[in-house]
C-alpha atoms as a PDB file:
ATOM      1  CA  MET A   1      16.652  31.759  -1.720  1.00  0.00           C
ATOM      2  CA  LEU A   2      14.521  29.195  -3.614  1.00  0.00           C
ATOM      3  CA  GLU A   3      11.077  29.802  -3.587  1.00  0.00           C
ATOM      4  CA  ALA A   4       8.542  27.383  -1.762  1.00  0.00           C
ATOM      5  CA  ALA A   5       7.248  25.853  -4.678  1.00  0.00           C
ATOM      6  CA  SER A   6      10.990  24.877  -6.030  1.00  0.00           C
ATOM      7  CA  LEU A   7      11.771  23.820  -2.490  1.00  0.00           C
ATOM      8  CA  VAL A   8       8.414  21.332  -2.646  1.00  0.00           C
ATOM      9  CA  GLU A   9       9.638  20.433  -6.237  1.00  0.00           C
ATOM     10  CA  LEU A  10      13.264  19.719  -4.958  1.00  0.00           C
ATOM     11  CA  SER A  11      12.489  17.830  -2.043  1.00  0.00           C
ATOM     12  CA  MET A  12       9.837  15.428  -3.841  1.00  0.00           C
ATOM     13  CA  HIS A  13      12.248  15.069  -6.677  1.00  0.00           C
ATOM     14  CA  ARG A  14      15.100  13.675  -4.389  1.00  0.00           C
ATOM     15  CA  LEU A  15      12.793  11.489  -2.130  1.00  0.00           C
ATOM     16  CA  ARG A  16      10.889   9.907  -5.315  1.00  0.00           C
ATOM     17  CA  GLU A  17      14.551   9.159  -6.894  1.00  0.00           C
ATOM     18  CA  ASP A  18      15.490   7.478  -3.544  1.00  0.00           C
ATOM     19  CA  ILE A  19      12.502   5.712  -3.204  1.00  0.00           C
ATOM     20  CA  LEU A  20      12.142   4.490  -6.801  1.00  0.00           C
ATOM     21  CA  SER A  21      15.990   3.677  -6.820  1.00  0.00           C
ATOM     22  CA  GLY A  22      15.819   1.306  -3.839  1.00  0.00           C
ATOM     23  CA  ALA A  23      18.074   3.690  -1.802  1.00  0.00           C
ATOM     24  CA  LEU A  24      14.890   3.886   0.743  1.00  0.00           C
ATOM     25  CA  GLN A  25      12.950   0.727   0.960  1.00  0.00           C
ATOM     26  CA  PRO A  26       9.325  -0.280   1.410  1.00  0.00           C
ATOM     27  CA  GLY A  27       8.288   0.327   5.221  1.00  0.00           C
ATOM     28  CA  GLU A  28      11.457   2.516   6.157  1.00  0.00           C
ATOM     29  CA  ARG A  29      10.410   5.539   8.105  1.00  0.00           C
ATOM     30  CA  LEU A  30      10.614   9.021   7.069  1.00  0.00           C
ATOM     31  CA  ILE A  31      11.829  11.148   9.718  1.00  0.00           C
ATOM     32  CA  GLU A  32      11.202  14.840   9.282  1.00  0.00           C
ATOM     33  CA  GLU A  33      14.064  16.260  11.165  1.00  0.00           C
ATOM     34  CA  GLN A  34      16.589  14.399   9.253  1.00  0.00           C
ATOM     35  CA  LEU A  35      14.993  15.410   6.021  1.00  0.00           C
ATOM     36  CA  THR A  36      14.912  18.981   6.834  1.00  0.00           C
ATOM     37  CA  ARG A  37      18.571  19.004   7.604  1.00  0.00           C
ATOM     38  CA  ARG A  38      19.408  16.912   4.748  1.00  0.00           C
ATOM     39  CA  PHE A  39      17.804  19.156   2.221  1.00  0.00           C
ATOM     40  CA  GLY A  40      18.173  22.469   4.034  1.00  0.00           C
ATOM     41  CA  ILE A  41      14.572  23.329   4.227  1.00  0.00           C
ATOM     42  CA  SER A  42      11.746  24.117   6.678  1.00  0.00           C
ATOM     43  CA  ARG A  43       9.101  21.606   7.596  1.00  0.00           C
ATOM     44  CA  ALA A  44       6.413  23.190   5.309  1.00  0.00           C
ATOM     45  CA  PRO A  45       7.745  22.316   2.158  1.00  0.00           C
ATOM     46  CA  LEU A  46       8.620  19.062   3.365  1.00  0.00           C
ATOM     47  CA  ARG A  47       5.307  17.934   4.398  1.00  0.00           C
ATOM     48  CA  GLU A  48       3.977  19.267   1.324  1.00  0.00           C
ATOM     49  CA  ALA A  49       6.472  16.929  -0.892  1.00  0.00           C
ATOM     50  CA  LEU A  50       5.361  14.158   1.296  1.00  0.00           C
ATOM     51  CA  ARG A  51       1.733  14.913   0.842  1.00  0.00           C
ATOM     52  CA  LEU A  52       2.507  14.879  -2.997  1.00  0.00           C
ATOM     53  CA  LEU A  53       4.445  11.674  -2.852  1.00  0.00           C
ATOM     54  CA  ASP A  54       1.372  10.295  -0.648  1.00  0.00           C
ATOM     55  CA  GLN A  55      -1.125  11.039  -3.979  1.00  0.00           C
ATOM     56  CA  GLN A  56       1.592   9.097  -5.786  1.00  0.00           C
ATOM     57  CA  GLY A  57       1.474   6.300  -3.673  1.00  0.00           C
ATOM     58  CA  LEU A  58       5.017   6.310  -2.801  1.00  0.00           C
ATOM     59  CA  VAL A  59       4.784   7.117   0.741  1.00  0.00           C
ATOM     60  CA  GLU A  60       2.063   6.534   3.350  1.00  0.00           C
ATOM     61  CA  HIS A  61       0.830   8.873   6.520  1.00  0.00           C
ATOM     62  CA  LEU A  62       0.182   6.493   9.619  1.00  0.00           C
ATOM     63  CA  PRO A  63      -1.588   7.991  12.383  1.00  0.00           C
ATOM     64  CA  ARG A  64       0.603   8.977  15.200  1.00  0.00           C
ATOM     65  CA  ARG A  65       3.518   7.115  13.774  1.00  0.00           C
ATOM     66  CA  GLY A  66       4.672   9.641  11.132  1.00  0.00           C
ATOM     67  CA  VAL A  67       5.555   8.914   7.268  1.00  0.00           C
ATOM     68  CA  ARG A  68       7.295   5.713   6.027  1.00  0.00           C
ATOM     69  CA  VAL A  69       8.070   4.511   2.073  1.00  0.00           C
ATOM     70  CA  ALA A  70       4.772   3.053   0.854  1.00  0.00           C
ATOM     71  CA  GLN A  71       4.621  -0.993   1.632  1.00  0.00           C
ATOM     72  CA  LEU A  72       2.101  -3.289   0.357  1.00  0.00           C
ATOM     73  CA  SER A  73       1.591  -7.030   1.508  1.00  0.00           C
ATOM     74  CA  GLU A  74       2.406  -9.715  -0.986  1.00  0.00           C
ATOM     75  CA  ARG A  75      -1.422 -10.348  -1.130  1.00  0.00           C
ATOM     76  CA  ASP A  76      -2.001  -6.760  -2.021  1.00  0.00           C
ATOM     77  CA  VAL A  77       0.345  -6.624  -4.528  1.00  0.00           C
ATOM     78  CA  ASP A  78      -0.995  -9.619  -6.498  1.00  0.00           C
ATOM     79  CA  GLU A  79      -4.509  -8.329  -6.081  1.00  0.00           C
ATOM     80  CA  LEU A  80      -3.502  -4.905  -7.503  1.00  0.00           C
ATOM     81  CA  PHE A  81      -1.569  -6.465 -10.342  1.00  0.00           C
ATOM     82  CA  GLY A  82      -4.600  -8.731 -11.159  1.00  0.00           C
ATOM     83  CA  LEU A  83      -6.927  -5.470 -11.091  1.00  0.00           C
ATOM     84  CA  ARG A  84      -4.647  -3.782 -13.269  1.00  0.00           C
ATOM     85  CA  ASP A  85      -4.719  -6.951 -15.767  1.00  0.00           C
ATOM     86  CA  VAL A  86      -8.647  -6.778 -15.787  1.00  0.00           C
ATOM     87  CA  LEU A  87      -8.678  -2.870 -16.276  1.00  0.00           C
ATOM     88  CA  GLU A  88      -5.901  -2.975 -19.231  1.00  0.00           C
ATOM     89  CA  GLN A  89      -7.759  -6.064 -20.533  1.00  0.00           C
ATOM     90  CA  TYR A  90     -11.108  -4.100 -21.059  1.00  0.00           C
ATOM     91  CA  ALA A  91      -9.170  -1.068 -22.378  1.00  0.00           C
ATOM     92  CA  VAL A  92      -8.021  -3.208 -25.245  1.00  0.00           C
ATOM     93  CA  ALA A  93     -11.106  -4.907 -26.028  1.00  0.00           C
ATOM     94  CA  THR A  94     -12.670  -1.682 -25.840  1.00  0.00           C
ATOM     95  CA  ALA A  95     -10.220   0.368 -27.944  1.00  0.00           C
ATOM     96  CA  VAL A  96      -8.810  -1.955 -30.642  1.00  0.00           C
ATOM     97  CA  PRO A  97      -8.894  -1.551 -33.483  1.00  0.00           C
ATOM     98  CA  VAL A  98      -7.825   2.337 -33.045  1.00  0.00           C
ATOM     99  CA  SER A  99      -9.737   4.378 -35.595  1.00  0.00           C
ATOM    100  CA  GLU A 100      -7.661   7.348 -35.556  1.00  0.00           C
ATOM    101  CA  PRO A 101      -3.865   6.439 -36.120  1.00  0.00           C
ATOM    102  CA  ASP A 102      -2.988  10.076 -34.510  1.00  0.00           C
ATOM    103  CA  ARG A 103      -4.382   8.657 -31.069  1.00  0.00           C
ATOM    104  CA  LEU A 104      -1.366   6.575 -30.948  1.00  0.00           C
ATOM    105  CA  ALA A 105       0.908   9.242 -30.488  1.00  0.00           C
ATOM    106  CA  GLU A 106       1.091   9.361 -26.584  1.00  0.00           C
ATOM    107  CA  LEU A 107       1.813   5.763 -26.648  1.00  0.00           C
ATOM    108  CA  GLN A 108       4.555   5.998 -29.204  1.00  0.00           C
ATOM    109  CA  GLY A 109       5.790   8.937 -27.228  1.00  0.00           C
ATOM    110  CA  ALA A 110       6.014   6.885 -23.803  1.00  0.00           C
ATOM    111  CA  LEU A 111       8.039   4.058 -25.587  1.00  0.00           C
ATOM    112  CA  ASP A 112      10.435   6.374 -27.312  1.00  0.00           C
ATOM    113  CA  ALA A 113      11.126   7.772 -23.717  1.00  0.00           C
ATOM    114  CA  MET A 114      11.879   4.345 -22.696  1.00  0.00           C
ATOM    115  CA  ALA A 115      14.089   3.630 -25.224  1.00  0.00           C
ATOM    116  CA  ASP A 116      15.984   6.936 -24.420  1.00  0.00           C
ATOM    117  CA  ALA A 117      16.005   6.084 -20.847  1.00  0.00           C
ATOM    118  CA  ALA A 118      17.430   2.600 -21.325  1.00  0.00           C
ATOM    119  CA  ARG A 119      20.128   4.140 -23.829  1.00  0.00           C
ATOM    120  CA  ALA A 120      21.132   6.285 -20.958  1.00  0.00           C
ATOM    121  CA  GLY A 121      20.828   3.692 -18.322  1.00  0.00           C
ATOM    122  CA  ASP A 122      18.215   5.664 -16.282  1.00  0.00           C
ATOM    123  CA  LEU A 123      16.030   3.277 -14.723  1.00  0.00           C
ATOM    124  CA  ARG A 124      14.013   5.987 -12.941  1.00  0.00           C
ATOM    125  CA  GLU A 125      13.142   7.358 -16.258  1.00  0.00           C
ATOM    126  CA  GLU A 126      12.445   4.203 -17.812  1.00  0.00           C
ATOM    127  CA  ASN A 127       9.975   3.265 -15.134  1.00  0.00           C
ATOM    128  CA  ASP A 128       8.287   6.461 -15.393  1.00  0.00           C
ATOM    129  CA  ALA A 129       7.852   6.074 -19.115  1.00  0.00           C
ATOM    130  CA  HIS A 130       6.753   2.530 -18.560  1.00  0.00           C
ATOM    131  CA  CYS A 131       3.891   3.959 -16.182  1.00  0.00           C
ATOM    132  CA  ARG A 132       3.013   6.446 -18.916  1.00  0.00           C
ATOM    133  CA  PHE A 133       3.039   3.784 -21.656  1.00  0.00           C
ATOM    134  CA  HIS A 134       0.291   1.727 -19.894  1.00  0.00           C
ATOM    135  CA  ILE A 135      -1.663   4.733 -18.926  1.00  0.00           C
ATOM    136  CA  ALA A 136      -1.558   5.652 -22.542  1.00  0.00           C
ATOM    137  CA  LEU A 137      -2.515   2.108 -23.730  1.00  0.00           C
ATOM    138  CA  VAL A 138      -5.920   2.520 -21.330  1.00  0.00           C
ATOM    139  CA  GLY A 139      -6.341   5.813 -22.330  1.00  0.00           C
ATOM    140  CA  LEU A 140      -7.057   4.542 -26.065  1.00  0.00           C
ATOM    141  CA  ALA A 141     -10.366   3.362 -24.633  1.00  0.00           C
ATOM    142  CA  GLY A 142     -11.325   7.018 -24.587  1.00  0.00           C
ATOM    143  CA  GLN A 143     -12.974   6.631 -21.073  1.00  0.00           C
ATOM    144  CA  ARG A 144     -12.592   8.984 -18.278  1.00  0.00           C
ATOM    145  CA  GLN A 145     -13.774   6.693 -15.406  1.00  0.00           C
ATOM    146  CA  LEU A 146     -11.820   3.836 -16.676  1.00  0.00           C
ATOM    147  CA  LEU A 147      -8.725   6.254 -16.633  1.00  0.00           C
ATOM    148  CA  LEU A 148      -9.741   7.361 -13.023  1.00  0.00           C
ATOM    149  CA  ALA A 149      -9.989   3.888 -11.749  1.00  0.00           C
ATOM    150  CA  TYR A 150      -6.907   2.748 -13.564  1.00  0.00           C
ATOM    151  CA  GLN A 151      -4.375   5.267 -12.458  1.00  0.00           C
ATOM    152  CA  PRO A 152      -4.345   5.107  -8.602  1.00  0.00           C
ATOM    153  CA  VAL A 153      -3.630   1.072  -9.240  1.00  0.00           C
ATOM    154  CA  ILE A 154      -0.549   1.682 -11.278  1.00  0.00           C
ATOM    155  CA  ARG A 155       0.535   4.446  -9.037  1.00  0.00           C
ATOM    156  CA  LYS A 156       0.286   2.212  -6.128  1.00  0.00           C
ATOM    157  CA  LEU A 157       2.141  -0.527  -8.002  1.00  0.00           C
ATOM    158  CA  GLN A 158       4.943   1.763  -9.061  1.00  0.00           C
ATOM    159  CA  LEU A 159       7.408   1.211  -6.580  1.00  0.00           C
ATOM    160  CA  TYR A 160       7.228  -2.582  -7.095  1.00  0.00           C
ATOM    161  CA  MET A 161       7.330  -2.160 -10.728  1.00  0.00           C
ATOM    162  CA  ALA A 162      10.547   0.082 -10.302  1.00  0.00           C
ATOM    163  CA  ALA A 163      11.862  -2.760  -8.316  1.00  0.00           C
ATOM    164  CA  ASN A 164      10.998  -5.250 -10.666  1.00  0.00           C
ATOM    165  CA  LEU A 165      12.743  -3.521 -13.521  1.00  0.00           C
ATOM    166  CA  ARG A 166      16.066  -3.497 -11.621  1.00  0.00           C
ATOM    167  CA  ARG A 167      15.704  -6.986 -10.936  1.00  0.00           C
ATOM    168  CA  GLU A 168      14.796  -7.851 -14.542  1.00  0.00           C
ATOM    169  CA  THR A 169      18.221  -6.016 -15.410  1.00  0.00           C
ATOM    170  CA  GLU A 170      20.012  -7.792 -12.893  1.00  0.00           C
ATOM    171  CA  HIS A 171      18.758 -11.240 -14.170  1.00  0.00           C
ATOM    172  CA  VAL A 172      18.439 -10.641 -17.814  1.00  0.00           C
ATOM    173  CA  GLY A 173      21.548  -8.434 -17.973  1.00  0.00           C
ATOM    174  CA  ASP A 174      19.969  -6.758 -21.072  1.00  0.00           C
ATOM    175  CA  PRO A 175      18.529  -2.922 -20.328  1.00  0.00           C
ATOM    176  CA  TRP A 176      16.851  -3.173 -23.995  1.00  0.00           C
ATOM    177  CA  ASP A 177      14.659  -6.253 -23.142  1.00  0.00           C
ATOM    178  CA  GLY A 178      11.824  -4.091 -21.455  1.00  0.00           C
ATOM    179  CA  VAL A 179      11.772  -1.801 -24.403  1.00  0.00           C
ATOM    180  CA  ARG A 180      11.620  -4.697 -26.759  1.00  0.00           C
ATOM    181  CA  ARG A 181       8.761  -6.253 -24.953  1.00  0.00           C
ATOM    182  CA  HIS A 182       6.741  -3.018 -24.979  1.00  0.00           C
ATOM    183  CA  ARG A 183       7.604  -2.274 -28.633  1.00  0.00           C
ATOM    184  CA  LYS A 184       5.906  -5.545 -29.444  1.00  0.00           C
ATOM    185  CA  LEU A 185       2.840  -4.471 -27.373  1.00  0.00           C
ATOM    186  CA  PHE A 186       2.735  -1.334 -29.674  1.00  0.00           C
ATOM    187  CA  ASP A 187       3.025  -3.017 -32.782  1.00  0.00           C
ATOM    188  CA  SER A 188       0.320  -5.470 -31.979  1.00  0.00           C
ATOM    189  CA  VAL A 189      -1.887  -2.411 -31.264  1.00  0.00           C
ATOM    190  CA  THR A 190      -0.994  -1.073 -34.723  1.00  0.00           C
ATOM    191  CA  THR A 191      -2.341  -4.333 -36.251  1.00  0.00           C
ATOM    192  CA  GLY A 192      -5.852  -3.606 -35.293  1.00  0.00           C
ATOM    193  CA  ASP A 193      -6.559  -7.081 -33.824  1.00  0.00           C
ATOM    194  CA  ALA A 194      -7.658  -6.966 -30.214  1.00  0.00           C
ATOM    195  CA  PRO A 195      -7.110 -10.895 -29.434  1.00  0.00           C
ATOM    196  CA  THR A 196      -3.402 -10.237 -30.946  1.00  0.00           C
ATOM    197  CA  VAL A 197      -3.016  -7.592 -28.597  1.00  0.00           C
ATOM    198  CA  LEU A 198      -4.462  -9.372 -25.537  1.00  0.00           C
ATOM    199  CA  ALA A 199      -2.348 -12.609 -26.296  1.00  0.00           C
ATOM    200  CA  VAL A 200       0.849 -10.113 -26.334  1.00  0.00           C
ATOM    201  CA  LEU A 201      -0.420  -8.487 -22.975  1.00  0.00           C
ATOM    202  CA  ALA A 202      -0.919 -11.934 -21.470  1.00  0.00           C
ATOM    203  CA  ALA A 203       2.738 -12.612 -22.009  1.00  0.00           C
ATOM    204  CA  HIS A 204       4.024  -9.473 -21.114  1.00  0.00           C
ATOM    205  CA  GLY A 205       5.635 -10.686 -17.987  1.00  0.00           C
ATOM    206  CA  ALA A 206       4.937  -7.895 -15.715  1.00  0.00           C
ATOM    207  CA  ARG A 207       5.343  -9.824 -12.459  1.00  0.00           C
ATOM    208  CA  THR A 208       8.111 -12.053 -13.642  1.00  0.00           C
ATOM    209  CA  TYR A 209      10.489 -10.965 -10.948  1.00  0.00           C
ATOM    210  CA  ILE A 210       8.391  -9.685  -7.988  1.00  0.00           C
ATOM    211  CA  SER A 211       8.922 -11.678  -5.016  1.00  0.00           C
END
């Protein structure tokens, strides 16, 4: 029998996969009885998995109505992308030029993970690496409070960024397009010129396919 922690992790991973792949849609209710039967687990590890997914911004608990896949209004999404833009621009203006090249390792690692995921056709992992890339970009500023403000924003947007990545792949038909755009952003950071990075960031196209 799997230990409780393993059951929580397994349930969380499977639900996360379904949400970010689009198999579960924003606003769709998650019925505990159905999920416990599907995963062959009790309610306790399932509820812990749902709690962790809530922290990641992928599900939301509604008073007296249970749990559903997180759903944001069009205005909410637009405001969150706007807030993300402001925080990233501030981080770039503060961090660039990066005085110690070793500090770019995390950014490079996320970019490499994006490329590996694109090569494997793994959109979920590519989306995860995409999030890590942007968190690492903001982390270059070396400001703890900035990261604490930024991480909840990008976590709430993760579901919509995953949908955007799928639509981008459908429209462009090129799984490497996102990797190339992020490599261009990485290369601009290495130039040490903040205006150049801000210009590339502005042309990044994060919302291109969001509807």
